[in-house]
Amino acid sequence: MSTQATVTLRGKPMQLGGNEVSVGDKAPDSTLITIDSQPKRLSEFSGKIRILSAVPSLDTSVCDAETRRFNELASELGDDVEIITVSMDLPPAQKRWCGAAGVDRVTLLSDHKDASFGKNYGVLIPDIRLLARCVFVVDKDDVVRYKQLVPEIGQEPDYEDVLNAVKALL
């Protein structure tokens, strides 16, 4: 069940756990929790192109900046694209953050309950029970078409690369 992938946190190697997902794989389903504390399955977003942005915690500057940037990009991408940010933050904390940050075009989902997203996508860091910074692009047929595992957790993803992957599917 465990992958051999690692990322770094301030230069320190961190082992990832779960089932590694690769481009071309069927996107695994996971049940997450909405900001209103309701269960939500990723499969409920089928039929749309999805950007799945896994972040360690919205209360950090890089995760904050990344989610705000994806919120800005959402208006450029239109209604065929759903942007979902997944973190281990508790739903009330995500809701509070959204209100304070003015984020209204990104769906925030919490993986705190059972880490199913982290395990199913191979981005769980078991030692600290956080998600690695990773962006997946999933097509309308639930196939992973792009993956960007950011090697150093403290760095933002390459947004242009993500946008190019999405635009290729539109």
N, C-alpha and C. Protein backbone atom coordinates (compact mmCIF):
# COMPACT_ATOMS: atom_id res chain seq x y z
N MET A 1 0.81 -1.19 0.00
CA MET A 1 0.00 0.00 0.00
C MET A 1 0.86 1.26 0.00
N SER A 2 2.07 1.17 0.36
CA SER A 2 2.87 2.36 0.51
C SER A 2 3.73 2.62 -0.72
N THR A 3 3.87 3.89 -1.07
CA THR A 3 4.69 4.26 -2.22
C THR A 3 6.11 4.51 -1.73
N GLN A 4 7.01 4.61 -2.66
CA GLN A 4 8.40 4.90 -2.33
C GLN A 4 8.74 6.37 -2.53
N ALA A 5 7.75 7.17 -2.96
CA ALA A 5 7.99 8.57 -3.24
C ALA A 5 8.31 9.33 -1.95
N THR A 6 9.11 10.36 -2.11
CA THR A 6 9.39 11.25 -0.99
C THR A 6 9.30 12.70 -1.48
N VAL A 7 9.04 13.58 -0.55
CA VAL A 7 9.12 15.02 -0.76
C VAL A 7 9.98 15.54 0.37
N THR A 8 10.29 16.82 0.33
CA THR A 8 11.05 17.39 1.43
C THR A 8 10.25 18.48 2.11
N LEU A 9 10.47 18.63 3.40
CA LEU A 9 9.90 19.69 4.19
C LEU A 9 11.08 20.43 4.81
N ARG A 10 11.32 21.63 4.33
CA ARG A 10 12.50 22.41 4.73
C ARG A 10 13.77 21.59 4.56
N GLY A 11 13.83 20.84 3.47
CA GLY A 11 15.01 20.05 3.15
C GLY A 11 15.03 18.65 3.74
N LYS A 12 14.16 18.36 4.69
CA LYS A 12 14.14 17.04 5.33
C LYS A 12 13.24 16.10 4.52
N PRO A 13 13.77 14.94 4.10
CA PRO A 13 12.96 13.98 3.34
C PRO A 13 11.78 13.45 4.15
N MET A 14 10.63 13.40 3.50
CA MET A 14 9.40 12.89 4.11
C MET A 14 8.83 11.81 3.18
N GLN A 15 8.65 10.63 3.72
CA GLN A 15 8.11 9.49 2.97
C GLN A 15 6.61 9.67 2.76
N LEU A 16 6.14 9.36 1.56
CA LEU A 16 4.71 9.39 1.27
C LEU A 16 4.13 8.01 1.44
N GLY A 17 2.88 7.96 1.86
CA GLY A 17 2.18 6.70 2.02
C GLY A 17 0.94 6.68 1.16
N GLY A 18 0.43 5.50 0.92
CA GLY A 18 -0.77 5.34 0.12
C GLY A 18 -0.46 4.74 -1.23
N ASN A 19 -1.45 4.76 -2.10
CA ASN A 19 -1.33 4.19 -3.44
C ASN A 19 -0.99 5.28 -4.42
N GLU A 20 0.20 5.22 -4.99
CA GLU A 20 0.61 6.25 -5.93
C GLU A 20 -0.28 6.23 -7.16
N VAL A 21 -0.73 7.40 -7.56
CA VAL A 21 -1.56 7.57 -8.75
C VAL A 21 -0.68 8.17 -9.85
N SER A 22 -0.79 7.61 -11.04
CA SER A 22 0.00 8.09 -12.17
C SER A 22 -0.92 8.61 -13.27
N VAL A 23 -0.36 9.40 -14.17
CA VAL A 23 -1.09 9.87 -15.33
C VAL A 23 -1.56 8.65 -16.12
N GLY A 24 -2.83 8.68 -16.51
CA GLY A 24 -3.44 7.57 -17.23
C GLY A 24 -4.27 6.66 -16.35
N ASP A 25 -4.08 6.75 -15.03
CA ASP A 25 -4.87 5.94 -14.09
C ASP A 25 -6.28 6.52 -13.97
N LYS A 26 -7.22 5.65 -13.63
CA LYS A 26 -8.55 6.12 -13.26
C LYS A 26 -8.42 6.82 -11.91
N ALA A 27 -9.01 8.00 -11.81
CA ALA A 27 -8.94 8.78 -10.57
C ALA A 27 -9.68 8.04 -9.46
N PRO A 28 -9.02 7.77 -8.36
CA PRO A 28 -9.69 7.09 -7.25
C PRO A 28 -10.80 7.98 -6.66
N ASP A 29 -11.83 7.34 -6.16
CA ASP A 29 -12.86 8.08 -5.45
C ASP A 29 -12.45 8.18 -3.99
N SER A 30 -12.91 9.21 -3.33
CA SER A 30 -12.67 9.39 -1.90
C SER A 30 -13.84 10.16 -1.33
N THR A 31 -14.15 9.88 -0.09
CA THR A 31 -15.17 10.66 0.60
C THR A 31 -14.46 11.65 1.51
N LEU A 32 -14.76 12.92 1.28
CA LEU A 32 -14.16 14.01 2.04
C LEU A 32 -15.27 14.75 2.77
N ILE A 33 -14.92 15.80 3.48
CA ILE A 33 -15.90 16.55 4.27
C ILE A 33 -15.91 18.00 3.77
N THR A 34 -17.13 18.53 3.51
CA THR A 34 -17.26 19.91 3.05
C THR A 34 -17.03 20.89 4.19
N ILE A 35 -16.95 22.17 3.85
CA ILE A 35 -16.77 23.20 4.89
C ILE A 35 -17.98 23.28 5.80
N ASP A 36 -19.10 22.69 5.37
CA ASP A 36 -20.30 22.63 6.21
C ASP A 36 -20.44 21.28 6.90
N SER A 37 -19.33 20.55 6.97
CA SER A 37 -19.24 19.26 7.69
C SER A 37 -20.14 18.16 7.11
N GLN A 38 -20.34 18.19 5.80
CA GLN A 38 -21.13 17.15 5.13
C GLN A 38 -20.20 16.28 4.28
N PRO A 39 -20.48 14.97 4.19
CA PRO A 39 -19.66 14.11 3.34
C PRO A 39 -19.86 14.46 1.86
N LYS A 40 -18.78 14.38 1.11
CA LYS A 40 -18.82 14.67 -0.33
C LYS A 40 -17.83 13.74 -1.02
N ARG A 41 -18.33 12.99 -2.00
CA ARG A 41 -17.47 12.08 -2.75
C ARG A 41 -16.89 12.81 -3.97
N LEU A 42 -15.65 12.53 -4.28
CA LEU A 42 -15.05 13.13 -5.47
C LEU A 42 -15.79 12.73 -6.73
N SER A 43 -16.38 11.53 -6.73
CA SER A 43 -17.13 11.06 -7.90
C SER A 43 -18.33 11.95 -8.21
N GLU A 44 -18.77 12.74 -7.25
CA GLU A 44 -19.89 13.66 -7.48
C GLU A 44 -19.50 14.79 -8.46
N PHE A 45 -18.21 14.95 -8.71
CA PHE A 45 -17.73 15.98 -9.63
C PHE A 45 -17.48 15.41 -11.04
N SER A 46 -17.79 14.12 -11.25
CA SER A 46 -17.59 13.51 -12.57
C SER A 46 -18.33 14.32 -13.63
N GLY A 47 -17.77 14.30 -14.84
CA GLY A 47 -18.38 15.04 -15.94
C GLY A 47 -17.77 16.42 -16.12
N LYS A 48 -16.93 16.82 -15.18
CA LYS A 48 -16.20 18.09 -15.29
C LYS A 48 -14.71 17.80 -15.28
N ILE A 49 -13.94 18.69 -15.84
CA ILE A 49 -12.49 18.64 -15.69
C ILE A 49 -12.21 19.14 -14.28
N ARG A 50 -11.35 18.43 -13.54
CA ARG A 50 -11.07 18.80 -12.17
C ARG A 50 -9.60 19.06 -11.94
N ILE A 51 -9.32 20.14 -11.24
CA ILE A 51 -7.99 20.39 -10.70
C ILE A 51 -8.09 20.01 -9.23
N LEU A 52 -7.36 18.99 -8.82
CA LEU A 52 -7.32 18.57 -7.43
C LEU A 52 -6.01 19.07 -6.84
N SER A 53 -6.11 20.03 -5.96
CA SER A 53 -4.93 20.65 -5.36
C SER A 53 -4.83 20.19 -3.91
N ALA A 54 -3.86 19.34 -3.62
CA ALA A 54 -3.63 18.87 -2.25
C ALA A 54 -2.62 19.80 -1.60
N VAL A 55 -2.97 20.29 -0.41
CA VAL A 55 -2.09 21.19 0.33
C VAL A 55 -1.97 20.74 1.78
N PRO A 56 -0.84 21.02 2.43
CA PRO A 56 -0.69 20.62 3.83
C PRO A 56 -1.67 21.33 4.79
N SER A 57 -1.72 22.67 4.76
CA SER A 57 -2.62 23.41 5.66
C SER A 57 -2.83 24.83 5.13
N LEU A 58 -4.10 25.24 5.07
CA LEU A 58 -4.43 26.58 4.60
C LEU A 58 -3.88 27.67 5.49
N ASP A 59 -3.52 27.34 6.71
CA ASP A 59 -2.99 28.33 7.65
C ASP A 59 -1.51 28.60 7.46
N THR A 60 -0.95 28.13 6.35
CA THR A 60 0.44 28.45 6.04
C THR A 60 0.47 29.36 4.81
N SER A 61 1.50 30.16 4.70
CA SER A 61 1.54 31.18 3.66
C SER A 61 1.53 30.59 2.24
N VAL A 62 2.21 29.50 2.02
CA VAL A 62 2.28 28.93 0.67
C VAL A 62 0.93 28.32 0.27
N CYS A 63 0.29 27.60 1.18
CA CYS A 63 -1.03 27.00 0.89
C CYS A 63 -2.07 28.10 0.68
N ASP A 64 -1.98 29.14 1.48
CA ASP A 64 -2.87 30.30 1.35
C ASP A 64 -2.70 30.91 -0.04
N ALA A 65 -1.46 31.17 -0.45
CA ALA A 65 -1.18 31.79 -1.74
C ALA A 65 -1.64 30.89 -2.89
N GLU A 66 -1.38 29.59 -2.76
CA GLU A 66 -1.76 28.65 -3.82
C GLU A 66 -3.28 28.61 -4.01
N THR A 67 -4.01 28.53 -2.93
CA THR A 67 -5.47 28.43 -3.04
C THR A 67 -6.06 29.74 -3.54
N ARG A 68 -5.52 30.86 -3.13
CA ARG A 68 -5.98 32.15 -3.65
C ARG A 68 -5.70 32.25 -5.16
N ARG A 69 -4.53 31.76 -5.58
CA ARG A 69 -4.17 31.81 -7.01
C ARG A 69 -5.12 30.93 -7.82
N PHE A 70 -5.43 29.74 -7.34
CA PHE A 70 -6.37 28.89 -8.06
C PHE A 70 -7.77 29.53 -8.08
N ASN A 71 -8.14 30.26 -7.04
CA ASN A 71 -9.41 30.96 -7.02
C ASN A 71 -9.45 32.01 -8.14
N GLU A 72 -8.34 32.72 -8.34
CA GLU A 72 -8.25 33.71 -9.43
C GLU A 72 -8.34 33.03 -10.79
N LEU A 73 -7.63 31.91 -10.93
CA LEU A 73 -7.61 31.21 -12.22
C LEU A 73 -8.97 30.61 -12.57
N ALA A 74 -9.78 30.33 -11.58
CA ALA A 74 -11.09 29.69 -11.82
C ALA A 74 -11.94 30.53 -12.77
N SER A 75 -11.88 31.85 -12.65
CA SER A 75 -12.70 32.70 -13.52
C SER A 75 -12.26 32.62 -14.97
N GLU A 76 -10.99 32.31 -15.22
CA GLU A 76 -10.47 32.18 -16.58
C GLU A 76 -10.86 30.85 -17.23
N LEU A 77 -11.14 29.85 -16.40
CA LEU A 77 -11.32 28.50 -16.93
C LEU A 77 -12.76 28.13 -17.24
N GLY A 78 -13.73 28.84 -16.68
CA GLY A 78 -15.12 28.60 -17.00
C GLY A 78 -15.78 27.48 -16.22
N ASP A 79 -17.03 27.21 -16.56
CA ASP A 79 -17.87 26.28 -15.81
C ASP A 79 -17.56 24.80 -16.04
N ASP A 80 -16.77 24.49 -17.05
CA ASP A 80 -16.43 23.08 -17.31
C ASP A 80 -15.30 22.58 -16.40
N VAL A 81 -14.72 23.50 -15.62
CA VAL A 81 -13.59 23.13 -14.76
C VAL A 81 -13.96 23.38 -13.30
N GLU A 82 -13.75 22.37 -12.47
CA GLU A 82 -13.97 22.47 -11.02
C GLU A 82 -12.60 22.42 -10.35
N ILE A 83 -12.33 23.39 -9.48
CA ILE A 83 -11.08 23.41 -8.74
C ILE A 83 -11.39 23.02 -7.30
N ILE A 84 -10.71 21.99 -6.83
CA ILE A 84 -10.94 21.45 -5.50
C ILE A 84 -9.62 21.47 -4.73
N THR A 85 -9.63 22.10 -3.58
CA THR A 85 -8.45 22.08 -2.71
C THR A 85 -8.75 21.14 -1.55
N VAL A 86 -7.83 20.21 -1.32
CA VAL A 86 -7.99 19.23 -0.25
C VAL A 86 -6.86 19.43 0.75
N SER A 87 -7.25 19.48 2.03
CA SER A 87 -6.25 19.58 3.11
C SER A 87 -6.74 18.78 4.30
N MET A 88 -5.88 18.64 5.29
CA MET A 88 -6.25 17.96 6.53
C MET A 88 -6.89 18.93 7.53
N ASP A 89 -7.02 20.20 7.16
CA ASP A 89 -7.63 21.17 8.05
C ASP A 89 -9.06 20.75 8.37
N LEU A 90 -9.51 21.06 9.58
CA LEU A 90 -10.89 20.77 9.96
C LEU A 90 -11.85 21.66 9.18
N PRO A 91 -13.06 21.17 8.86
CA PRO A 91 -14.01 21.97 8.07
C PRO A 91 -14.29 23.37 8.63
N PRO A 92 -14.48 23.55 9.94
CA PRO A 92 -14.71 24.93 10.42
C PRO A 92 -13.52 25.86 10.14
N ALA A 93 -12.32 25.32 10.22
CA ALA A 93 -11.12 26.13 9.92
C ALA A 93 -11.09 26.49 8.43
N GLN A 94 -11.46 25.53 7.57
CA GLN A 94 -11.51 25.81 6.13
C GLN A 94 -12.56 26.89 5.83
N LYS A 95 -13.71 26.76 6.46
CA LYS A 95 -14.79 27.73 6.24
C LYS A 95 -14.36 29.12 6.69
N ARG A 96 -13.75 29.20 7.86
CA ARG A 96 -13.27 30.48 8.38
C ARG A 96 -12.22 31.07 7.42
N TRP A 97 -11.30 30.23 6.96
CA TRP A 97 -10.25 30.70 6.04
C TRP A 97 -10.87 31.23 4.76
N CYS A 98 -11.84 30.50 4.18
CA CYS A 98 -12.50 30.93 2.94
C CYS A 98 -13.12 32.31 3.10
N GLY A 99 -13.82 32.50 4.21
CA GLY A 99 -14.45 33.79 4.46
C GLY A 99 -13.43 34.91 4.58
N ALA A 100 -12.36 34.67 5.30
CA ALA A 100 -11.33 35.68 5.50
C ALA A 100 -10.56 35.96 4.21
N ALA A 101 -10.35 34.92 3.38
CA ALA A 101 -9.56 35.07 2.16
C ALA A 101 -10.41 35.51 0.97
N GLY A 102 -11.74 35.46 1.11
CA GLY A 102 -12.60 35.81 -0.02
C GLY A 102 -12.57 34.77 -1.13
N VAL A 103 -12.23 33.55 -0.80
CA VAL A 103 -12.18 32.47 -1.80
C VAL A 103 -13.58 31.92 -2.00
N ASP A 104 -14.09 32.05 -3.23
CA ASP A 104 -15.47 31.64 -3.50
C ASP A 104 -15.62 30.81 -4.77
N ARG A 105 -14.52 30.54 -5.47
CA ARG A 105 -14.60 29.77 -6.70
C ARG A 105 -13.89 28.42 -6.60
N VAL A 106 -13.30 28.15 -5.46
CA VAL A 106 -12.62 26.88 -5.22
C VAL A 106 -13.42 26.11 -4.18
N THR A 107 -13.65 24.83 -4.41
CA THR A 107 -14.31 23.98 -3.43
C THR A 107 -13.25 23.46 -2.47
N LEU A 108 -13.44 23.72 -1.18
CA LEU A 108 -12.51 23.20 -0.18
C LEU A 108 -13.11 21.95 0.45
N LEU A 109 -12.29 20.91 0.55
CA LEU A 109 -12.71 19.65 1.16
C LEU A 109 -11.65 19.21 2.16
N SER A 110 -12.12 18.64 3.26
CA SER A 110 -11.22 18.19 4.33
C SER A 110 -11.04 16.68 4.27
N ASP A 111 -9.80 16.26 4.44
CA ASP A 111 -9.45 14.84 4.47
C ASP A 111 -9.10 14.40 5.89
N HIS A 112 -9.47 15.23 6.89
CA HIS A 112 -9.04 14.98 8.28
C HIS A 112 -9.61 13.70 8.86
N LYS A 113 -10.80 13.29 8.42
CA LYS A 113 -11.49 12.18 9.09
C LYS A 113 -10.73 10.86 8.97
N ASP A 114 -10.46 10.44 7.72
CA ASP A 114 -9.78 9.14 7.57
C ASP A 114 -8.64 9.16 6.56
N ALA A 115 -8.28 10.34 6.10
CA ALA A 115 -7.16 10.49 5.15
C ALA A 115 -7.35 9.66 3.88
N SER A 116 -8.60 9.47 3.46
CA SER A 116 -8.85 8.63 2.29
C SER A 116 -8.26 9.21 1.01
N PHE A 117 -8.32 10.53 0.85
CA PHE A 117 -7.71 11.14 -0.34
C PHE A 117 -6.21 10.93 -0.31
N GLY A 118 -5.60 11.24 0.82
CA GLY A 118 -4.15 11.09 0.95
C GLY A 118 -3.69 9.68 0.66
N LYS A 119 -4.42 8.70 1.18
CA LYS A 119 -4.08 7.29 0.95
C LYS A 119 -4.36 6.87 -0.48
N ASN A 120 -5.53 7.25 -1.01
CA ASN A 120 -5.93 6.83 -2.36
C ASN A 120 -5.09 7.46 -3.46
N TYR A 121 -4.54 8.64 -3.20
CA TYR A 121 -3.74 9.35 -4.20
C TYR A 121 -2.24 9.28 -3.91
N GLY A 122 -1.86 8.66 -2.81
CA GLY A 122 -0.44 8.50 -2.49
C GLY A 122 0.26 9.77 -2.07
N VAL A 123 -0.49 10.71 -1.47
CA VAL A 123 0.11 11.98 -1.08
C VAL A 123 0.06 12.22 0.44
N LEU A 124 -0.26 11.18 1.19
CA LEU A 124 -0.28 11.29 2.65
C LEU A 124 1.15 11.21 3.18
N ILE A 125 1.49 12.11 4.08
CA ILE A 125 2.77 12.05 4.79
C ILE A 125 2.43 11.49 6.17
N PRO A 126 2.55 10.17 6.36
CA PRO A 126 2.10 9.54 7.60
C PRO A 126 2.78 10.09 8.86
N ASP A 127 4.05 10.43 8.77
CA ASP A 127 4.78 10.89 9.96
C ASP A 127 4.20 12.15 10.59
N ILE A 128 3.59 13.01 9.75
CA ILE A 128 3.03 14.26 10.27
C ILE A 128 1.54 14.39 9.97
N ARG A 129 0.96 13.36 9.37
CA ARG A 129 -0.46 13.29 9.01
C ARG A 129 -0.93 14.54 8.29
N LEU A 130 -0.16 14.93 7.29
CA LEU A 130 -0.52 16.03 6.39
C LEU A 130 -0.42 15.52 4.96
N LEU A 131 -0.97 16.28 4.03
CA LEU A 131 -0.87 15.94 2.62
C LEU A 131 0.33 16.65 2.00
N ALA A 132 0.99 15.97 1.09
CA ALA A 132 2.05 16.61 0.31
C ALA A 132 1.40 17.60 -0.66
N ARG A 133 2.16 18.57 -1.11
CA ARG A 133 1.65 19.51 -2.10
C ARG A 133 1.70 18.84 -3.47
N CYS A 134 0.54 18.64 -4.03
CA CYS A 134 0.44 17.94 -5.31
C CYS A 134 -0.79 18.44 -6.06
N VAL A 135 -0.69 18.54 -7.38
CA VAL A 135 -1.82 18.95 -8.20
C VAL A 135 -2.07 17.86 -9.23
N PHE A 136 -3.33 17.43 -9.28
CA PHE A 136 -3.77 16.46 -10.27
C PHE A 136 -4.79 17.15 -11.18
N VAL A 137 -4.76 16.82 -12.47
CA VAL A 137 -5.82 17.25 -13.38
C VAL A 137 -6.51 15.98 -13.85
N VAL A 138 -7.83 15.94 -13.62
CA VAL A 138 -8.64 14.78 -13.96
C VAL A 138 -9.62 15.19 -15.05
N ASP A 139 -9.74 14.37 -16.10
CA ASP A 139 -10.64 14.73 -17.20
C ASP A 139 -12.09 14.37 -16.87
N LYS A 140 -12.99 14.67 -17.80
CA LYS A 140 -14.43 14.46 -17.60
C LYS A 140 -14.78 12.98 -17.42
N ASP A 141 -13.89 12.09 -17.89
CA ASP A 141 -14.12 10.65 -17.79
C ASP A 141 -13.39 10.03 -16.60
N ASP A 142 -12.94 10.85 -15.67
CA ASP A 142 -12.30 10.40 -14.43
C ASP A 142 -10.93 9.76 -14.63
N VAL A 143 -10.21 10.21 -15.64
CA VAL A 143 -8.85 9.73 -15.87
C VAL A 143 -7.87 10.84 -15.49
N VAL A 144 -6.84 10.48 -14.74
CA VAL A 144 -5.80 11.44 -14.36
C VAL A 144 -4.98 11.77 -15.60
N ARG A 145 -4.98 13.03 -15.99
CA ARG A 145 -4.27 13.47 -17.20
C ARG A 145 -3.00 14.25 -16.89
N TYR A 146 -2.82 14.62 -15.62
CA TYR A 146 -1.65 15.43 -15.25
C TYR A 146 -1.42 15.27 -13.75
N LYS A 147 -0.15 15.25 -13.38
CA LYS A 147 0.22 15.18 -11.97
C LYS A 147 1.48 16.00 -11.75
N GLN A 148 1.45 16.84 -10.72
CA GLN A 148 2.63 17.62 -10.35
C GLN A 148 2.83 17.48 -8.84
N LEU A 149 3.74 16.61 -8.46
CA LEU A 149 4.12 16.46 -7.06
C LEU A 149 5.24 17.46 -6.81
N VAL A 150 4.97 18.47 -5.99
CA VAL A 150 5.96 19.52 -5.73
C VAL A 150 7.01 18.93 -4.79
N PRO A 151 8.29 18.89 -5.22
CA PRO A 151 9.32 18.20 -4.44
C PRO A 151 9.56 18.78 -3.04
N GLU A 152 9.48 20.10 -2.91
CA GLU A 152 9.67 20.76 -1.60
C GLU A 152 8.33 21.34 -1.19
N ILE A 153 7.82 20.88 -0.07
CA ILE A 153 6.48 21.26 0.38
C ILE A 153 6.32 22.77 0.50
N GLY A 154 7.38 23.47 0.82
CA GLY A 154 7.32 24.92 1.01
C GLY A 154 7.32 25.73 -0.27
N GLN A 155 7.23 25.08 -1.43
CA GLN A 155 7.22 25.80 -2.70
C GLN A 155 5.86 25.66 -3.36
N GLU A 156 5.48 26.69 -4.14
CA GLU A 156 4.22 26.66 -4.87
C GLU A 156 4.38 25.81 -6.13
N PRO A 157 3.27 25.29 -6.64
CA PRO A 157 3.34 24.53 -7.89
C PRO A 157 3.57 25.45 -9.08
N ASP A 158 3.86 24.85 -10.22
CA ASP A 158 4.00 25.58 -11.48
C ASP A 158 2.60 25.75 -12.06
N TYR A 159 2.00 26.92 -11.83
CA TYR A 159 0.61 27.16 -12.25
C TYR A 159 0.45 27.11 -13.76
N GLU A 160 1.44 27.63 -14.47
CA GLU A 160 1.36 27.66 -15.94
C GLU A 160 1.28 26.24 -16.50
N ASP A 161 2.05 25.34 -15.93
CA ASP A 161 2.03 23.94 -16.35
C ASP A 161 0.65 23.32 -16.10
N VAL A 162 0.07 23.62 -14.95
CA VAL A 162 -1.27 23.12 -14.63
C VAL A 162 -2.28 23.67 -15.63
N LEU A 163 -2.22 24.97 -15.89
CA LEU A 163 -3.15 25.60 -16.83
C LEU A 163 -3.03 25.00 -18.23
N ASN A 164 -1.81 24.76 -18.66
CA ASN A 164 -1.62 24.14 -19.98
C ASN A 164 -2.27 22.77 -20.04
N ALA A 165 -2.16 21.99 -18.98
CA ALA A 165 -2.78 20.66 -18.93
C ALA A 165 -4.29 20.75 -19.00
N VAL A 166 -4.85 21.73 -18.28
CA VAL A 166 -6.31 21.90 -18.29
C VAL A 166 -6.77 22.36 -19.66
N LYS A 167 -6.10 23.37 -20.21
CA LYS A 167 -6.53 23.93 -21.51
C LYS A 167 -6.45 22.88 -22.62
N ALA A 168 -5.55 21.93 -22.51
CA ALA A 168 -5.46 20.85 -23.50
C ALA A 168 -6.70 19.97 -23.47
N LEU A 169 -7.43 19.97 -22.36
CA LEU A 169 -8.63 19.15 -22.22
C LEU A 169 -9.92 19.90 -22.57
N LEU A 170 -9.83 21.22 -22.68
CA LEU A 170 -11.04 22.02 -22.97
C LEU A 170 -11.40 21.99 -24.44
